[in-house]
Each structure stands twice: as structure tokens, then as C-alpha cells.
């Protein structure tokens, strides 16, 4: 059984780097350009030969790109991984042989995470050499945490519905919006309710806040990492239970 599943590893890796890596990089670049335009950042504002403030903006721009890449890579690691096969009938071909769906899809998800980390390390190394040193270990850890949280949630939703992408965008947007308005909600007396809702939603706002310390190699409180990591692990465990128990084509 194990040998049959690992035989698909080469196909899954090739699928990631041939069919997914370029869309990840393009989506990251377009999102970063759009965000920079909304902030009014120009090439002159990011000139390394300028002031200390300009160099700091360049570092902030890198951290912004890291966040976008991590979210996109985490999502793509699980994009259509289960639902696409079910909707197109691919699962009938893959599992016509005695191959465990749980092992097959978990292996594909893990390889997708590894692929995202490899891309991030290569990009961070180029940035470190050409612009400013960053923590490669921190960058890898950040992308891995996003893979666990965002990818884990996407993986869970993919096992449930073909509409996992809009649902994923909705819950992530709700969490980020709630975190952005937490101060106003507290002033309006709804702070307690907002806190309860945020513990139900994926803690993507925590992940966003971790971009600076991890990219710069600063110490991070393990308790802060525990929330997004634990949420992601819980999503993966539920996904595995569903893959193990839920009949295919149901």
C-alpha cells in the first residue's frame, strides 16, 4: 500500500511545480502590485539609495509579499485537491486500484507544502543577496505555518464542497475585518462577542502579525504560534477523518 501511494509522489510534485508554481508567483505579484498601488508606493519610494525610511519601506514591502505568497501558496497546496477529482471523476481512476484516498491526498498536500517552502526560500535567498538579509529559517517557518493554517482549512473545505475557495476567502476576510475593527467593537461594547467569534474563525490575523518577527529572525512567543498551528492541525485531523470515513462520490 505504501509503495503504491509513494509511486504517485513524482506525479504530484511535477503537478505542483509545472501547474501550480507559476500561478502562485503570478497571483502573488499581482496582489502585491495592487496593494502597493492602493498604498501609493512607487519605485522612487522604494529606492534603496534613499533614506533609512525608504529602506524600511523596502523591508515592509518584502514582508507584505511574504504574507501574500504564504496565503496563496497555502491555498494552492490544497486547491481542488479532493473536490476537483470528485467533480471530474478522477477519483474513479486513481482509486480503481487499492490505494488509500487518505494517504494519497495527505501526501499531495504535504508535497504542496514542501513546494511552497522551497519557492519561498529561493525567493528569500535572492532578496537577501540582492537587497537586505532576512531570516531564511523564519521565512520557511512562516510559509509552513500558513500552509498549516490556510492550507489546512482549504484542505478541509475541499473535502466537503467544490465551493471551497469562496468559502475560504469569506472566512479569512471575516477574521481580518473583525481584527481590524476590534477597537471600535470594544468601544461599542461588543468586544466580548467579537473575541468569541474570532476564536471560531481561523486566526489569520495572528499569522499576518507574525510576518515581521519571523522574517527578521526575532524571537516569537510559542503561545502565539500555538493558536494558528493548533487550528491548522485540527482542520487536518478532521479532513483525515472525513477522507477515511466518507464514501467517495457522495
Protein backbone atom coordinates (compact mmCIF):
# COMPACT_ATOMS: atom_id res chain seq x y z
CA UNK A 1 0.00 0.00 0.00
CA UNK A 2 2.68 2.48 0.99
CA UNK A 3 4.72 1.70 -2.10
CA UNK A 4 1.73 2.27 -4.38
CA UNK A 5 1.00 5.68 -2.82
CA UNK A 6 4.59 6.90 -2.92
CA UNK A 7 4.72 5.95 -6.60
CA UNK A 8 2.46 8.96 -7.21
CA UNK A 9 4.84 11.37 -5.44
CA UNK A 10 6.72 12.23 -8.63
CA UNK A 11 3.46 12.99 -10.44
CA UNK A 12 2.23 15.15 -7.55
CA UNK A 13 5.50 17.11 -7.35
CA UNK A 14 5.52 17.63 -11.11
CA UNK A 15 1.92 18.80 -10.97
CA UNK A 16 2.86 21.34 -8.30
CA UNK A 17 5.91 22.86 -9.95
CA UNK A 18 4.53 22.72 -13.52
CA UNK A 19 0.88 23.62 -12.97
CA UNK A 20 0.81 25.48 -9.65
CA UNK A 21 4.11 27.25 -9.00
CA UNK A 22 3.74 29.80 -11.81
CA UNK A 23 0.12 30.70 -10.90
CA UNK A 24 1.24 31.14 -7.28
CA UNK A 25 4.02 33.53 -8.28
CA UNK A 26 1.78 35.44 -10.70
CA UNK A 27 -1.05 35.78 -8.17
CA UNK A 28 1.44 36.95 -5.54
CA UNK A 29 2.93 39.55 -7.89
CA UNK A 30 -0.47 40.89 -8.98
CA UNK A 31 -1.78 41.09 -5.42
CA UNK A 32 1.40 42.81 -4.23
CA UNK A 33 1.25 45.34 -7.07
CA UNK A 34 -2.39 46.06 -6.32
CA UNK A 35 -1.71 46.55 -2.63
CA UNK A 36 1.30 48.79 -3.35
CA UNK A 37 -0.81 50.91 -5.70
CA UNK A 38 -3.52 51.26 -3.06
CA UNK A 39 -0.88 52.47 -0.59
CA UNK A 40 0.61 54.89 -3.11
CA UNK A 41 4.01 53.15 -3.12
CA UNK A 42 6.11 53.99 -6.16
CA UNK A 43 9.51 52.80 -7.39
CA UNK A 44 11.10 56.01 -6.10
CA UNK A 45 9.56 55.49 -2.67
CA UNK A 46 11.25 52.08 -2.53
CA UNK A 47 14.65 53.30 -3.75
CA UNK A 48 17.38 51.61 -1.69
CA UNK A 49 19.70 54.53 -2.28
CA UNK A 50 17.27 56.80 -0.44
CA UNK A 51 16.75 57.42 3.25
CA UNK A 52 16.52 54.96 6.12
CA UNK A 53 12.76 55.28 5.81
CA UNK A 54 12.96 54.13 2.18
CA UNK A 55 14.99 51.06 3.15
CA UNK A 56 12.46 50.28 5.87
CA UNK A 57 9.65 50.53 3.32
CA UNK A 58 11.52 48.04 1.12
CA UNK A 59 11.68 45.62 4.05
CA UNK A 60 7.99 46.16 4.73
CA UNK A 61 7.28 45.50 1.05
CA UNK A 62 9.16 42.21 1.29
CA UNK A 63 7.15 41.22 4.36
CA UNK A 64 3.96 42.13 2.52
CA UNK A 65 4.95 39.92 -0.41
CA UNK A 66 5.79 37.15 2.07
CA UNK A 67 2.30 37.33 3.57
CA UNK A 68 0.60 37.26 0.18
CA UNK A 69 2.80 34.42 -1.06
CA UNK A 70 2.24 32.38 2.10
CA UNK A 71 -1.54 32.74 1.88
CA UNK A 72 -1.64 31.96 -1.84
CA UNK A 73 0.76 29.02 -1.53
CA UNK A 74 -1.19 27.61 1.41
CA UNK A 75 -4.43 27.85 -0.55
CA UNK A 76 -3.00 26.36 -3.74
CA UNK A 77 -1.46 23.47 -1.81
CA UNK A 78 -5.00 22.21 -1.26
CA UNK A 79 -6.80 23.83 -4.20
CA UNK A 80 -9.10 21.32 -5.82
CA UNK A 81 -7.06 18.52 -4.28
CA UNK A 82 -10.15 16.47 -3.41
CA UNK A 83 -13.16 18.30 -4.83
CA UNK A 84 -11.66 18.61 -8.35
CA UNK A 85 -11.05 14.88 -8.54
CA UNK A 86 -14.55 14.11 -7.31
CA UNK A 87 -16.29 16.56 -9.63
CA UNK A 88 -14.35 15.34 -12.69
CA UNK A 89 -14.44 11.68 -11.78
CA UNK A 90 -10.67 11.41 -11.44
CA UNK A 91 -11.08 9.55 -8.17
CA UNK A 92 -12.60 6.63 -10.06
CA UNK A 93 -9.32 6.27 -11.97
CA UNK A 94 -6.97 6.91 -9.05
CA UNK A 95 -8.75 4.62 -6.63
CA UNK A 96 -9.75 1.87 -9.01
CA UNK A 97 -6.58 0.32 -7.59
CA UNK A 98 -6.21 -0.46 -3.87
CA UNK A 99 -4.84 2.98 -2.92
CA UNK A 100 -5.89 4.78 0.24
CA UNK A 101 -7.52 8.18 -0.54
CA UNK A 102 -6.36 9.37 2.87
CA UNK A 103 -2.71 8.59 2.14
CA UNK A 104 -2.87 9.85 -1.44
CA UNK A 105 -4.35 13.26 -0.64
CA UNK A 106 -2.34 13.75 2.53
CA UNK A 107 0.83 13.03 0.55
CA UNK A 108 -0.21 15.53 -2.12
CA UNK A 109 -0.93 18.18 0.49
CA UNK A 110 2.42 17.62 2.24
CA UNK A 111 4.31 17.80 -1.06
CA UNK A 112 2.46 21.01 -1.90
CA UNK A 113 3.61 22.50 1.40
CA UNK A 114 7.20 21.47 0.73
CA UNK A 115 7.00 23.02 -2.73
CA UNK A 116 5.78 26.32 -1.27
CA UNK A 117 8.58 26.37 1.29
CA UNK A 118 11.19 25.69 -1.41
CA UNK A 119 9.88 28.58 -3.53
CA UNK A 120 9.88 30.89 -0.50
CA UNK A 121 13.45 30.00 0.48
CA UNK A 122 14.71 30.59 -3.06
CA UNK A 123 12.96 33.96 -3.23
CA UNK A 124 14.18 34.99 0.23
CA UNK A 125 17.74 33.99 -0.64
CA UNK A 126 17.66 36.14 -3.78
CA UNK A 127 16.28 39.06 -1.75
CA UNK A 128 18.91 38.56 0.96
CA UNK A 129 21.76 38.66 -1.54
CA UNK A 130 20.42 41.45 -3.73
CA UNK A 131 18.71 43.72 -1.20
CA UNK A 132 18.81 43.01 2.53
CA UNK A 133 19.45 39.92 4.67
CA UNK A 134 16.41 38.15 6.09
CA UNK A 135 15.98 35.00 8.15
CA UNK A 136 15.64 32.07 5.75
CA UNK A 137 14.58 29.85 8.64
CA UNK A 138 11.99 32.41 9.69
CA UNK A 139 10.65 32.73 6.13
CA UNK A 140 10.42 28.95 5.82
CA UNK A 141 8.68 28.75 9.20
CA UNK A 142 6.20 31.45 8.22
CA UNK A 143 5.25 29.72 4.97
CA UNK A 144 4.97 26.40 6.81
CA UNK A 145 2.65 27.97 9.39
CA UNK A 146 0.50 29.47 6.61
CA UNK A 147 0.46 26.08 4.88
CA UNK A 148 -0.73 24.52 8.11
CA UNK A 149 -3.42 27.14 8.88
CA UNK A 150 -4.66 28.39 5.50
CA UNK A 151 -3.83 25.19 3.64
CA UNK A 152 -5.28 23.01 6.39
CA UNK A 153 -8.56 24.91 6.29
CA UNK A 154 -8.60 24.83 2.47
CA UNK A 155 -7.93 21.07 2.61
CA UNK A 156 -10.86 20.58 4.99
CA UNK A 157 -13.22 22.66 2.86
CA UNK A 158 -12.04 20.84 -0.28
CA UNK A 159 -13.15 17.53 1.22
CA UNK A 160 -16.62 18.99 1.81
CA UNK A 161 -17.52 21.13 -1.19
CA UNK A 162 -16.41 22.25 -4.63
CA UNK A 163 -17.03 25.85 -3.49
CA UNK A 164 -14.17 25.77 -1.01
CA UNK A 165 -12.36 28.80 -2.47
CA UNK A 166 -15.15 31.40 -1.97
CA UNK A 167 -15.88 29.99 1.49
CA UNK A 168 -12.19 30.17 2.38
CA UNK A 169 -11.97 33.77 1.16
CA UNK A 170 -15.11 34.65 3.13
CA UNK A 171 -13.94 33.29 6.49
CA UNK A 172 -10.42 34.72 6.11
CA UNK A 173 -11.86 38.10 5.14
CA UNK A 174 -14.24 37.98 8.09
CA UNK A 175 -11.40 37.27 10.52
CA UNK A 176 -9.18 40.05 9.15
CA UNK A 177 -12.07 42.52 9.12
CA UNK A 178 -13.05 41.62 12.67
CA UNK A 179 -9.45 42.06 13.83
CA UNK A 180 -9.28 45.43 12.08
CA UNK A 181 -12.43 46.70 13.79
CA UNK A 182 -11.79 45.13 17.18
CA UNK A 183 -11.05 48.52 18.77
CA UNK A 184 -14.30 50.02 17.55
CA UNK A 185 -16.27 46.96 18.59
CA UNK A 186 -14.77 47.13 22.08
CA UNK A 187 -15.75 50.79 22.32
CA UNK A 188 -19.29 49.87 21.27
CA UNK A 189 -19.50 47.22 23.99
CA UNK A 190 -19.30 44.26 21.62
CA UNK A 191 -15.68 43.33 22.39
CA UNK A 192 -16.58 40.10 24.21
CA UNK A 193 -18.73 38.89 21.33
CA UNK A 194 -16.01 39.74 18.83
CA UNK A 195 -13.46 37.74 20.83
CA UNK A 196 -15.72 34.68 20.88
CA UNK A 197 -16.29 34.92 17.12
CA UNK A 198 -12.56 35.27 16.47
CA UNK A 199 -11.87 32.05 18.34
CA UNK A 200 -14.22 30.29 15.92
CA UNK A 201 -12.77 31.90 12.80
CA UNK A 202 -9.30 30.92 11.55
CA UNK A 203 -6.70 33.13 13.30
CA UNK A 204 -5.27 34.53 10.10
CA UNK A 205 -4.84 37.95 11.75
CA UNK A 206 -2.30 36.32 14.08
CA UNK A 207 -0.48 34.89 11.07
CA UNK A 208 -0.36 38.33 9.42
CA UNK A 209 1.08 39.87 12.59
CA UNK A 210 3.87 37.26 12.70
CA UNK A 211 5.35 38.31 9.35
CA UNK A 212 7.79 40.86 10.78
CA UNK A 213 9.34 38.90 13.67
CA UNK A 214 9.72 35.70 11.64
CA UNK A 215 11.10 37.39 8.52
CA UNK A 216 13.59 39.36 10.62
CA UNK A 217 14.59 36.43 12.80
CA UNK A 218 13.20 37.93 16.00
CA UNK A 219 12.05 35.79 18.95
CA UNK A 220 8.38 34.80 18.93
CA UNK A 221 6.28 33.70 21.90
CA UNK A 222 5.44 29.99 21.39
CA UNK A 223 1.95 30.63 22.77
CA UNK A 224 1.30 32.98 19.85
CA UNK A 225 2.33 30.28 17.37
CA UNK A 226 0.19 27.67 19.12
CA UNK A 227 -3.15 29.19 18.11
CA UNK A 228 -2.75 29.17 14.29
CA UNK A 229 -0.77 25.92 14.40
CA UNK A 230 -3.40 24.22 16.57
CA UNK A 231 -6.24 25.45 14.37
CA UNK A 232 -4.49 24.11 11.27
CA UNK A 233 -3.79 20.74 12.87
CA UNK A 234 -7.44 20.45 13.94
CA UNK A 235 -8.54 21.11 10.34
CA UNK A 236 -6.16 18.46 9.04
CA UNK A 237 -7.32 15.88 11.59
CA UNK A 238 -10.97 16.46 10.66
CA UNK A 239 -10.04 16.23 6.96
CA UNK A 240 -8.31 12.91 7.52
CA UNK A 241 -11.31 11.53 9.41
CA UNK A 242 -13.61 12.58 6.57
CA UNK A 243 -11.34 11.05 3.94
CA UNK A 244 -11.19 7.85 5.93
CA UNK A 245 -14.92 7.56 6.61
CA UNK A 246 -16.78 9.48 3.91
CA UNK A 247 -17.61 7.35 0.85
CA UNK A 248 -16.27 8.75 -2.40
CA UNK A 249 -18.68 10.17 -4.97
CA UNK A 250 -21.04 11.03 -2.06
